[in-house]
Amino acid sequence: MSKSFSGNDLIKALRRLGFIIDHQRGSHIFLHNIEINKTIIVPNHKEIKKGTLHQILKQSNLSIEELKNLI
């Protein structure tokens, strides 16, 4: 994985998957998808750490390639 992703990139991709912004607490944005009843927390940082990115991808059932296509 050579490209780094920002919080805005992840939010943009998740919104295309049907997630909506529920609320924000500090720098963390809570996105919720009513259809699958799932909430994902995305830190609004310039660069998301590798472990955090993988955890968000795991929760949303996305691969790196799918994420790149959504952005």
PDB file of N, CA and C in Angstrom:
ATOM      1  N   MET A   1       0.846  -1.164   0.000  1.00  0.00           N
ATOM      2  CA  MET A   1       0.000   0.000   0.000  1.00  0.00           C
ATOM      3  C   MET A   1       0.896   1.233   0.000  1.00  0.00           C
ATOM      4  N   SER A   2       0.951   1.912  -1.103  1.00  0.00           N
ATOM      5  CA  SER A   2       1.849   3.053  -1.212  1.00  0.00           C
ATOM      6  C   SER A   2       1.129   4.375  -0.997  1.00  0.00           C
ATOM      7  N   LYS A   3      -0.156   4.441  -1.294  1.00  0.00           N
ATOM      8  CA  LYS A   3      -0.886   5.703  -1.154  1.00  0.00           C
ATOM      9  C   LYS A   3      -1.448   5.816   0.254  1.00  0.00           C
ATOM     10  N   SER A   4      -1.325   6.997   0.818  1.00  0.00           N
ATOM     11  CA  SER A   4      -1.941   7.224   2.119  1.00  0.00           C
ATOM     12  C   SER A   4      -3.304   7.889   1.905  1.00  0.00           C
ATOM     13  N   PHE A   5      -4.202   7.656   2.826  1.00  0.00           N
ATOM     14  CA  PHE A   5      -5.557   8.174   2.730  1.00  0.00           C
ATOM     15  C   PHE A   5      -5.813   9.126   3.883  1.00  0.00           C
ATOM     16  N   SER A   6      -6.587  10.154   3.616  1.00  0.00           N
ATOM     17  CA  SER A   6      -6.961  11.095   4.671  1.00  0.00           C
ATOM     18  C   SER A   6      -8.346  10.714   5.194  1.00  0.00           C
ATOM     19  N   GLY A   7      -8.726  11.340   6.297  1.00  0.00           N
ATOM     20  CA  GLY A   7     -10.055  11.119   6.836  1.00  0.00           C
ATOM     21  C   GLY A   7     -11.133  11.550   5.859  1.00  0.00           C
ATOM     22  N   ASN A   8     -10.888  12.655   5.154  1.00  0.00           N
ATOM     23  CA  ASN A   8     -11.863  13.132   4.158  1.00  0.00           C
ATOM     24  C   ASN A   8     -12.026  12.131   3.021  1.00  0.00           C
ATOM     25  N   ASP A   9     -10.930  11.474   2.609  1.00  0.00           N
ATOM     26  CA  ASP A   9     -11.022  10.456   1.562  1.00  0.00           C
ATOM     27  C   ASP A   9     -11.920   9.302   2.002  1.00  0.00           C
ATOM     28  N   LEU A  10     -11.719   8.840   3.246  1.00  0.00           N
ATOM     29  CA  LEU A  10     -12.520   7.724   3.756  1.00  0.00           C
ATOM     30  C   LEU A  10     -13.988   8.112   3.898  1.00  0.00           C
ATOM     31  N   ILE A  11     -14.243   9.317   4.372  1.00  0.00           N
ATOM     32  CA  ILE A  11     -15.626   9.776   4.529  1.00  0.00           C
ATOM     33  C   ILE A  11     -16.316   9.863   3.173  1.00  0.00           C
ATOM     34  N   LYS A  12     -15.609  10.365   2.186  1.00  0.00           N
ATOM     35  CA  LYS A  12     -16.145  10.470   0.827  1.00  0.00           C
ATOM     36  C   LYS A  12     -16.520   9.082   0.289  1.00  0.00           C
ATOM     37  N   ALA A  13     -15.644   8.107   0.481  1.00  0.00           N
ATOM     38  CA  ALA A  13     -15.903   6.746  -0.005  1.00  0.00           C
ATOM     39  C   ALA A  13     -17.058   6.100   0.745  1.00  0.00           C
ATOM     40  N   LEU A  14     -17.099   6.256   2.060  1.00  0.00           N
ATOM     41  CA  LEU A  14     -18.168   5.644   2.847  1.00  0.00           C
ATOM     42  C   LEU A  14     -19.518   6.279   2.543  1.00  0.00           C
ATOM     43  N   ARG A  15     -19.537   7.577   2.259  1.00  0.00           N
ATOM     44  CA  ARG A  15     -20.798   8.218   1.898  1.00  0.00           C
ATOM     45  C   ARG A  15     -21.318   7.672   0.573  1.00  0.00           C
ATOM     46  N   ARG A  16     -20.427   7.310  -0.327  1.00  0.00           N
ATOM     47  CA  ARG A  16     -20.852   6.714  -1.599  1.00  0.00           C
ATOM     48  C   ARG A  16     -21.426   5.313  -1.394  1.00  0.00           C
ATOM     49  N   LEU A  17     -21.074   4.684  -0.275  1.00  0.00           N
ATOM     50  CA  LEU A  17     -21.607   3.358   0.042  1.00  0.00           C
ATOM     51  C   LEU A  17     -22.917   3.422   0.824  1.00  0.00           C
ATOM     52  N   GLY A  18     -23.397   4.630   1.116  1.00  0.00           N
ATOM     53  CA  GLY A  18     -24.666   4.778   1.807  1.00  0.00           C
ATOM     54  C   GLY A  18     -24.558   5.197   3.262  1.00  0.00           C
ATOM     55  N   PHE A  19     -23.362   5.444   3.756  1.00  0.00           N
ATOM     56  CA  PHE A  19     -23.194   5.923   5.122  1.00  0.00           C
ATOM     57  C   PHE A  19     -23.503   7.415   5.172  1.00  0.00           C
ATOM     58  N   ILE A  20     -24.087   7.850   6.279  1.00  0.00           N
ATOM     59  CA  ILE A  20     -24.349   9.267   6.480  1.00  0.00           C
ATOM     60  C   ILE A  20     -23.626   9.712   7.747  1.00  0.00           C
ATOM     61  N   ILE A  21     -23.265  10.984   7.787  1.00  0.00           N
ATOM     62  CA  ILE A  21     -22.581  11.514   8.961  1.00  0.00           C
ATOM     63  C   ILE A  21     -23.616  11.680  10.068  1.00  0.00           C
ATOM     64  N   ASP A  22     -23.382  10.986  11.162  1.00  0.00           N
ATOM     65  CA  ASP A  22     -24.293  11.032  12.299  1.00  0.00           C
ATOM     66  C   ASP A  22     -23.944  12.197  13.213  1.00  0.00           C
ATOM     67  N   HIS A  23     -22.703  12.218  13.684  1.00  0.00           N
ATOM     68  CA  HIS A  23     -22.241  13.323  14.518  1.00  0.00           C
ATOM     69  C   HIS A  23     -20.725  13.305  14.573  1.00  0.00           C
ATOM     70  N   GLN A  24     -20.172  14.312  15.242  1.00  0.00           N
ATOM     71  CA  GLN A  24     -18.726  14.421  15.368  1.00  0.00           C
ATOM     72  C   GLN A  24     -18.384  14.719  16.817  1.00  0.00           C
ATOM     73  N   ARG A  25     -17.359  14.047  17.321  1.00  0.00           N
ATOM     74  CA  ARG A  25     -16.872  14.297  18.670  1.00  0.00           C
ATOM     75  C   ARG A  25     -15.377  14.561  18.564  1.00  0.00           C
ATOM     76  N   GLY A  26     -14.990  15.801  18.689  1.00  0.00           N
ATOM     77  CA  GLY A  26     -13.589  16.165  18.510  1.00  0.00           C
ATOM     78  C   GLY A  26     -13.212  16.007  17.050  1.00  0.00           C
ATOM     79  N   SER A  27     -12.156  15.230  16.802  1.00  0.00           N
ATOM     80  CA  SER A  27     -11.728  15.013  15.418  1.00  0.00           C
ATOM     81  C   SER A  27     -12.254  13.699  14.855  1.00  0.00           C
ATOM     82  N   HIS A  28     -13.139  13.017  15.575  1.00  0.00           N
ATOM     83  CA  HIS A  28     -13.672  11.744  15.115  1.00  0.00           C
ATOM     84  C   HIS A  28     -15.094  11.923  14.598  1.00  0.00           C
ATOM     85  N   ILE A  29     -15.317  11.443  13.383  1.00  0.00           N
ATOM     86  CA  ILE A  29     -16.618  11.569  12.730  1.00  0.00           C
ATOM     87  C   ILE A  29     -17.305  10.205  12.740  1.00  0.00           C
ATOM     88  N   PHE A  30     -18.534  10.169  13.216  1.00  0.00           N
ATOM     89  CA  PHE A  30     -19.308   8.943  13.326  1.00  0.00           C
ATOM     90  C   PHE A  30     -20.232   8.857  12.123  1.00  0.00           C
ATOM     91  N   LEU A  31     -20.060   7.812  11.317  1.00  0.00           N
ATOM     92  CA  LEU A  31     -20.899   7.589  10.146  1.00  0.00           C
ATOM     93  C   LEU A  31     -21.782   6.378  10.409  1.00  0.00           C
ATOM     94  N   HIS A  32     -23.029   6.463   9.971  1.00  0.00           N
ATOM     95  CA  HIS A  32     -23.984   5.388  10.232  1.00  0.00           C
ATOM     96  C   HIS A  32     -24.682   4.991   8.941  1.00  0.00           C
ATOM     97  N   ASN A  33     -24.879   3.687   8.776  1.00  0.00           N
ATOM     98  CA  ASN A  33     -25.626   3.163   7.644  1.00  0.00           C
ATOM     99  C   ASN A  33     -26.862   2.469   8.196  1.00  0.00           C
ATOM    100  N   ILE A  34     -28.030   3.011   7.898  1.00  0.00           N
ATOM    101  CA  ILE A  34     -29.281   2.488   8.443  1.00  0.00           C
ATOM    102  C   ILE A  34     -29.609   1.117   7.847  1.00  0.00           C
ATOM    103  N   GLU A  35     -29.299   0.913   6.567  1.00  0.00           N
ATOM    104  CA  GLU A  35     -29.655  -0.340   5.893  1.00  0.00           C
ATOM    105  C   GLU A  35     -29.000  -1.550   6.540  1.00  0.00           C
ATOM    106  N   ILE A  36     -27.728  -1.421   6.918  1.00  0.00           N
ATOM    107  CA  ILE A  36     -27.022  -2.551   7.523  1.00  0.00           C
ATOM    108  C   ILE A  36     -26.814  -2.358   9.022  1.00  0.00           C
ATOM    109  N   ASN A  37     -27.345  -1.243   9.571  1.00  0.00           N
ATOM    110  CA  ASN A  37     -27.275  -0.931  10.989  1.00  0.00           C
ATOM    111  C   ASN A  37     -25.842  -1.011  11.517  1.00  0.00           C
ATOM    112  N   LYS A  38     -24.965  -0.234  10.902  1.00  0.00           N
ATOM    113  CA  LYS A  38     -23.552  -0.247  11.272  1.00  0.00           C
ATOM    114  C   LYS A  38     -23.051   1.178  11.425  1.00  0.00           C
ATOM    115  N   THR A  39     -22.238   1.405  12.447  1.00  0.00           N
ATOM    116  CA  THR A  39     -21.607   2.690  12.677  1.00  0.00           C
ATOM    117  C   THR A  39     -20.103   2.536  12.566  1.00  0.00           C
ATOM    118  N   ILE A  40     -19.469   3.443  11.836  1.00  0.00           N
ATOM    119  CA  ILE A  40     -18.017   3.437  11.670  1.00  0.00           C
ATOM    120  C   ILE A  40     -17.490   4.793  12.103  1.00  0.00           C
ATOM    121  N   ILE A  41     -16.418   4.778  12.883  1.00  0.00           N
ATOM    122  CA  ILE A  41     -15.805   6.006  13.374  1.00  0.00           C
ATOM    123  C   ILE A  41     -14.550   6.270  12.559  1.00  0.00           C
ATOM    124  N   VAL A  42     -14.475   7.461  11.971  1.00  0.00           N
ATOM    125  CA  VAL A  42     -13.336   7.839  11.127  1.00  0.00           C
ATOM    126  C   VAL A  42     -12.649   9.059  11.741  1.00  0.00           C
ATOM    127  N   PRO A  43     -11.356   8.962  12.045  1.00  0.00           N
ATOM    128  CA  PRO A  43     -10.646  10.154  12.524  1.00  0.00           C
ATOM    129  C   PRO A  43     -10.428  11.123  11.368  1.00  0.00           C
ATOM    130  N   ASN A  44     -10.722  12.375  11.583  1.00  0.00           N
ATOM    131  CA  ASN A  44     -10.580  13.388  10.539  1.00  0.00           C
ATOM    132  C   ASN A  44      -9.152  13.931  10.574  1.00  0.00           C
ATOM    133  N   HIS A  45      -8.202  13.109  10.151  1.00  0.00           N
ATOM    134  CA  HIS A  45      -6.795  13.470  10.144  1.00  0.00           C
ATOM    135  C   HIS A  45      -6.292  13.562   8.710  1.00  0.00           C
ATOM    136  N   LYS A  46      -5.154  14.231   8.525  1.00  0.00           N
ATOM    137  CA  LYS A  46      -4.583  14.365   7.183  1.00  0.00           C
ATOM    138  C   LYS A  46      -4.110  13.032   6.644  1.00  0.00           C
ATOM    139  N   GLU A  47      -3.635  12.173   7.521  1.00  0.00           N
ATOM    140  CA  GLU A  47      -3.186  10.841   7.103  1.00  0.00           C
ATOM    141  C   GLU A  47      -3.651   9.825   8.137  1.00  0.00           C
ATOM    142  N   ILE A  48      -4.364   8.798   7.665  1.00  0.00           N
ATOM    143  CA  ILE A  48      -4.858   7.745   8.537  1.00  0.00           C
ATOM    144  C   ILE A  48      -3.764   6.688   8.690  1.00  0.00           C
ATOM    145  N   LYS A  49      -3.498   6.278   9.923  1.00  0.00           N
ATOM    146  CA  LYS A  49      -2.478   5.266  10.170  1.00  0.00           C
ATOM    147  C   LYS A  49      -2.903   3.934   9.565  1.00  0.00           C
ATOM    148  N   LYS A  50      -1.918   3.123   9.240  1.00  0.00           N
ATOM    149  CA  LYS A  50      -2.139   1.865   8.534  1.00  0.00           C
ATOM    150  C   LYS A  50      -3.106   0.942   9.288  1.00  0.00           C
ATOM    151  N   GLY A  51      -2.901   0.771  10.579  1.00  0.00           N
ATOM    152  CA  GLY A  51      -3.765  -0.110  11.367  1.00  0.00           C
ATOM    153  C   GLY A  51      -5.191   0.392  11.449  1.00  0.00           C
ATOM    154  N   THR A  52      -5.344   1.697  11.598  1.00  0.00           N
ATOM    155  CA  THR A  52      -6.673   2.300  11.651  1.00  0.00           C
ATOM    156  C   THR A  52      -7.389   2.133  10.319  1.00  0.00           C
ATOM    157  N   LEU A  53      -6.659   2.346   9.240  1.00  0.00           N
ATOM    158  CA  LEU A  53      -7.236   2.178   7.902  1.00  0.00           C
ATOM    159  C   LEU A  53      -7.710   0.750   7.691  1.00  0.00           C
ATOM    160  N   HIS A  54      -6.895  -0.214   8.055  1.00  0.00           N
ATOM    161  CA  HIS A  54      -7.282  -1.613   7.874  1.00  0.00           C
ATOM    162  C   HIS A  54      -8.498  -1.982   8.725  1.00  0.00           C
ATOM    163  N   GLN A  55      -8.589  -1.422   9.922  1.00  0.00           N
ATOM    164  CA  GLN A  55      -9.741  -1.699  10.773  1.00  0.00           C
ATOM    165  C   GLN A  55     -11.019  -1.110  10.175  1.00  0.00           C
ATOM    166  N   ILE A  56     -10.931   0.097   9.634  1.00  0.00           N
ATOM    167  CA  ILE A  56     -12.096   0.725   8.989  1.00  0.00           C
ATOM    168  C   ILE A  56     -12.505  -0.071   7.753  1.00  0.00           C
ATOM    169  N   LEU A  57     -11.529  -0.521   6.966  1.00  0.00           N
ATOM    170  CA  LEU A  57     -11.835  -1.323   5.779  1.00  0.00           C
ATOM    171  C   LEU A  57     -12.477  -2.650   6.174  1.00  0.00           C
ATOM    172  N   LYS A  58     -12.005  -3.242   7.239  1.00  0.00           N
ATOM    173  CA  LYS A  58     -12.560  -4.510   7.720  1.00  0.00           C
ATOM    174  C   LYS A  58     -14.008  -4.326   8.164  1.00  0.00           C
ATOM    175  N   GLN A  59     -14.292  -3.243   8.883  1.00  0.00           N
ATOM    176  CA  GLN A  59     -15.650  -2.973   9.362  1.00  0.00           C
ATOM    177  C   GLN A  59     -16.612  -2.700   8.207  1.00  0.00           C
ATOM    178  N   SER A  60     -16.114  -2.067   7.146  1.00  0.00           N
ATOM    179  CA  SER A  60     -16.980  -1.711   6.021  1.00  0.00           C
ATOM    180  C   SER A  60     -16.948  -2.741   4.894  1.00  0.00           C
ATOM    181  N   ASN A  61     -16.213  -3.841   5.080  1.00  0.00           N
ATOM    182  CA  ASN A  61     -16.101  -4.908   4.076  1.00  0.00           C
ATOM    183  C   ASN A  61     -15.583  -4.393   2.738  1.00  0.00           C
ATOM    184  N   LEU A  62     -14.556  -3.546   2.780  1.00  0.00           N
ATOM    185  CA  LEU A  62     -13.936  -2.997   1.583  1.00  0.00           C
ATOM    186  C   LEU A  62     -12.503  -3.491   1.457  1.00  0.00           C
ATOM    187  N   SER A  63     -12.027  -3.522   0.234  1.00  0.00           N
ATOM    188  CA  SER A  63     -10.601  -3.782  -0.012  1.00  0.00           C
ATOM    189  C   SER A  63      -9.943  -2.458  -0.386  1.00  0.00           C
ATOM    190  N   ILE A  64      -8.624  -2.460  -0.415  1.00  0.00           N
ATOM    191  CA  ILE A  64      -7.883  -1.252  -0.801  1.00  0.00           C
ATOM    192  C   ILE A  64      -8.251  -0.833  -2.221  1.00  0.00           C
ATOM    193  N   GLU A  65      -8.376  -1.797  -3.121  1.00  0.00           N
ATOM    194  CA  GLU A  65      -8.706  -1.487  -4.516  1.00  0.00           C
ATOM    195  C   GLU A  65     -10.101  -0.872  -4.624  1.00  0.00           C
ATOM    196  N   GLU A  66     -11.067  -1.406  -3.871  1.00  0.00           N
ATOM    197  CA  GLU A  66     -12.414  -0.844  -3.890  1.00  0.00           C
ATOM    198  C   GLU A  66     -12.427   0.564  -3.329  1.00  0.00           C
ATOM    199  N   LEU A  67     -11.635   0.789  -2.291  1.00  0.00           N
ATOM    200  CA  LEU A  67     -11.526   2.132  -1.718  1.00  0.00           C
ATOM    201  C   LEU A  67     -10.955   3.113  -2.729  1.00  0.00           C
ATOM    202  N   LYS A  68      -9.913   2.701  -3.443  1.00  0.00           N
ATOM    203  CA  LYS A  68      -9.318   3.576  -4.453  1.00  0.00           C
ATOM    204  C   LYS A  68     -10.322   3.920  -5.553  1.00  0.00           C
ATOM    205  N   ASN A  69     -11.148   2.945  -5.938  1.00  0.00           N
ATOM    206  CA  ASN A  69     -12.150   3.190  -6.975  1.00  0.00           C
ATOM    207  C   ASN A  69     -13.252   4.138  -6.498  1.00  0.00           C
ATOM    208  N   LEU A  70     -13.577   4.103  -5.206  1.00  0.00           N
ATOM    209  CA  LEU A  70     -14.630   4.957  -4.674  1.00  0.00           C
ATOM    210  C   LEU A  70     -14.173   6.404  -4.522  1.00  0.00           C
ATOM    211  N   ILE A  71     -12.859   6.604  -4.389  1.00  0.00           N
ATOM    212  CA  ILE A  71     -12.330   7.954  -4.202  1.00  0.00           C
ATOM    213  C   ILE A  71     -12.092   8.569  -5.515  1.00  0.00           C
TER     214      ILE A  71
END
